[in-house]
Amino acid sequence: MSSFLATFFNLLFDALFIAILGYVIMSWVDRTGNTRVSQVLREIADPILSPIRSIMPATGPLDFSPIIALLLLQLLKGVILSILT
């Protein structure tokens, strides 16, 4: 059972990592965010990024919340996987 949970959480965190990375790349390519891919990635990434943005101070046009989110996801993934294995 713990092997299934470890695999599940590993895939979940990898999918979130890819979604946030895709969100960042699409924000450079599709500035308006009108494509369906941009909308889906925004729907996945915004619930993770919004709390981080509300805590961080404003840094002008640069948004560091994806970097912090990716670091936190990797940290949380490591903690959860070490508990399950």
C-alpha atoms as a PDB file:
ATOM      1  CA  MET A   1       0.000   0.000   0.000  1.00  0.00           C
ATOM      2  CA  SER A   2       2.779   2.450   0.814  1.00  0.00           C
ATOM      3  CA  SER A   3       4.348   1.721  -2.580  1.00  0.00           C
ATOM      4  CA  PHE A   4       1.098   2.784  -4.267  1.00  0.00           C
ATOM      5  CA  LEU A   5       0.924   5.954  -2.163  1.00  0.00           C
ATOM      6  CA  ALA A   6       4.570   6.762  -2.848  1.00  0.00           C
ATOM      7  CA  THR A   7       4.014   6.355  -6.585  1.00  0.00           C
ATOM      8  CA  PHE A   8       0.828   8.419  -6.427  1.00  0.00           C
ATOM      9  CA  PHE A   9       2.458  11.319  -4.561  1.00  0.00           C
ATOM     10  CA  ASN A  10       5.528  11.159  -6.782  1.00  0.00           C
ATOM     11  CA  LEU A  11       3.356  11.486  -9.901  1.00  0.00           C
ATOM     12  CA  LEU A  12       1.192  14.179  -8.303  1.00  0.00           C
ATOM     13  CA  PHE A  13       4.136  16.380  -7.373  1.00  0.00           C
ATOM     14  CA  ASP A  14       5.777  15.823 -10.762  1.00  0.00           C
ATOM     15  CA  ALA A  15       2.538  16.833 -12.519  1.00  0.00           C
ATOM     16  CA  LEU A  16       2.245  19.986 -10.389  1.00  0.00           C
ATOM     17  CA  PHE A  17       5.887  20.821 -11.081  1.00  0.00           C
ATOM     18  CA  ILE A  18       5.345  20.471 -14.836  1.00  0.00           C
ATOM     19  CA  ALA A  19       2.099  22.479 -14.685  1.00  0.00           C
ATOM     20  CA  ILE A  20       3.768  25.406 -12.901  1.00  0.00           C
ATOM     21  CA  LEU A  21       6.732  25.296 -15.265  1.00  0.00           C
ATOM     22  CA  GLY A  22       4.339  25.205 -18.228  1.00  0.00           C
ATOM     23  CA  TYR A  23       2.412  28.128 -16.745  1.00  0.00           C
ATOM     24  CA  VAL A  24       5.591  30.188 -16.576  1.00  0.00           C
ATOM     25  CA  ILE A  25       6.589  29.333 -20.138  1.00  0.00           C
ATOM     26  CA  MET A  26       3.092  30.044 -21.468  1.00  0.00           C
ATOM     27  CA  SER A  27       3.094  33.408 -19.693  1.00  0.00           C
ATOM     28  CA  TRP A  28       6.067  34.357 -21.867  1.00  0.00           C
ATOM     29  CA  VAL A  29       4.610  32.946 -25.097  1.00  0.00           C
ATOM     30  CA  ASP A  30       0.916  33.798 -24.728  1.00  0.00           C
ATOM     31  CA  ARG A  31       0.770  37.083 -22.816  1.00  0.00           C
ATOM     32  CA  THR A  32      -3.010  37.418 -23.135  1.00  0.00           C
ATOM     33  CA  GLY A  33      -3.665  33.930 -21.754  1.00  0.00           C
ATOM     34  CA  ASN A  34      -6.451  33.302 -24.249  1.00  0.00           C
ATOM     35  CA  THR A  35      -5.423  29.840 -25.409  1.00  0.00           C
ATOM     36  CA  ARG A  36      -7.016  26.813 -23.747  1.00  0.00           C
ATOM     37  CA  VAL A  37      -3.599  25.498 -22.686  1.00  0.00           C
ATOM     38  CA  SER A  38      -2.860  28.762 -20.854  1.00  0.00           C
ATOM     39  CA  GLN A  39      -6.250  28.671 -19.151  1.00  0.00           C
ATOM     40  CA  VAL A  40      -5.826  25.078 -17.957  1.00  0.00           C
ATOM     41  CA  LEU A  41      -2.320  25.712 -16.664  1.00  0.00           C
ATOM     42  CA  ARG A  42      -3.539  28.872 -14.887  1.00  0.00           C
ATOM     43  CA  GLU A  43      -6.368  26.902 -13.239  1.00  0.00           C
ATOM     44  CA  ILE A  44      -3.854  24.357 -11.954  1.00  0.00           C
ATOM     45  CA  ALA A  45      -1.099  26.792 -10.920  1.00  0.00           C
ATOM     46  CA  ASP A  46      -3.050  29.713  -9.442  1.00  0.00           C
ATOM     47  CA  PRO A  47      -4.287  27.889  -6.307  1.00  0.00           C
ATOM     48  CA  ILE A  48      -0.651  27.136  -5.501  1.00  0.00           C
ATOM     49  CA  LEU A  49       0.825  30.484  -6.529  1.00  0.00           C
ATOM     50  CA  SER A  50      -1.820  32.864  -5.121  1.00  0.00           C
ATOM     51  CA  PRO A  51      -1.053  32.254  -1.414  1.00  0.00           C
ATOM     52  CA  ILE A  52       2.657  32.699  -2.097  1.00  0.00           C
ATOM     53  CA  ARG A  53       1.999  35.948  -3.982  1.00  0.00           C
ATOM     54  CA  SER A  54      -0.074  37.292  -1.096  1.00  0.00           C
ATOM     55  CA  ILE A  55       2.795  36.701   1.358  1.00  0.00           C
ATOM     56  CA  MET A  56       5.663  37.946  -0.815  1.00  0.00           C
ATOM     57  CA  PRO A  57       6.444  41.644  -1.112  1.00  0.00           C
ATOM     58  CA  ALA A  58       5.948  43.253  -4.517  1.00  0.00           C
ATOM     59  CA  THR A  59       9.042  43.050  -6.715  1.00  0.00           C
ATOM     60  CA  GLY A  60       7.788  45.074  -9.653  1.00  0.00           C
ATOM     61  CA  PRO A  61       7.357  43.201 -12.919  1.00  0.00           C
ATOM     62  CA  LEU A  62       9.203  40.099 -11.669  1.00  0.00           C
ATOM     63  CA  ASP A  63       7.185  37.297 -10.120  1.00  0.00           C
ATOM     64  CA  PHE A  64       9.256  34.992  -7.937  1.00  0.00           C
ATOM     65  CA  SER A  65       6.299  32.960  -6.658  1.00  0.00           C
ATOM     66  CA  PRO A  66       6.789  30.120  -9.190  1.00  0.00           C
ATOM     67  CA  ILE A  67      10.375  29.643  -8.034  1.00  0.00           C
ATOM     68  CA  ILE A  68       9.306  29.493  -4.400  1.00  0.00           C
ATOM     69  CA  ALA A  69       6.405  27.178  -5.269  1.00  0.00           C
ATOM     70  CA  LEU A  70       8.693  24.794  -7.140  1.00  0.00           C
ATOM     71  CA  LEU A  71      11.153  24.723  -4.244  1.00  0.00           C
ATOM     72  CA  LEU A  72       8.361  24.102  -1.738  1.00  0.00           C
ATOM     73  CA  LEU A  73       6.879  21.347  -3.889  1.00  0.00           C
ATOM     74  CA  GLN A  74      10.233  19.590  -4.102  1.00  0.00           C
ATOM     75  CA  LEU A  75      10.730  19.921  -0.351  1.00  0.00           C
ATOM     76  CA  LEU A  76       7.253  18.615   0.415  1.00  0.00           C
ATOM     77  CA  LYS A  77       7.686  15.782  -2.074  1.00  0.00           C
ATOM     78  CA  GLY A  78      10.916  14.724  -0.376  1.00  0.00           C
ATOM     79  CA  VAL A  79       9.338  14.800   3.077  1.00  0.00           C
ATOM     80  CA  ILE A  80       6.242  12.844   2.058  1.00  0.00           C
ATOM     81  CA  LEU A  81       8.195  10.248   0.086  1.00  0.00           C
ATOM     82  CA  SER A  82      10.662   9.747   2.934  1.00  0.00           C
ATOM     83  CA  ILE A  83       7.753   9.118   5.303  1.00  0.00           C
ATOM     84  CA  LEU A  84       6.093   6.650   2.938  1.00  0.00           C
ATOM     85  CA  THR A  85       9.214   4.651   2.101  1.00  0.00           C
END
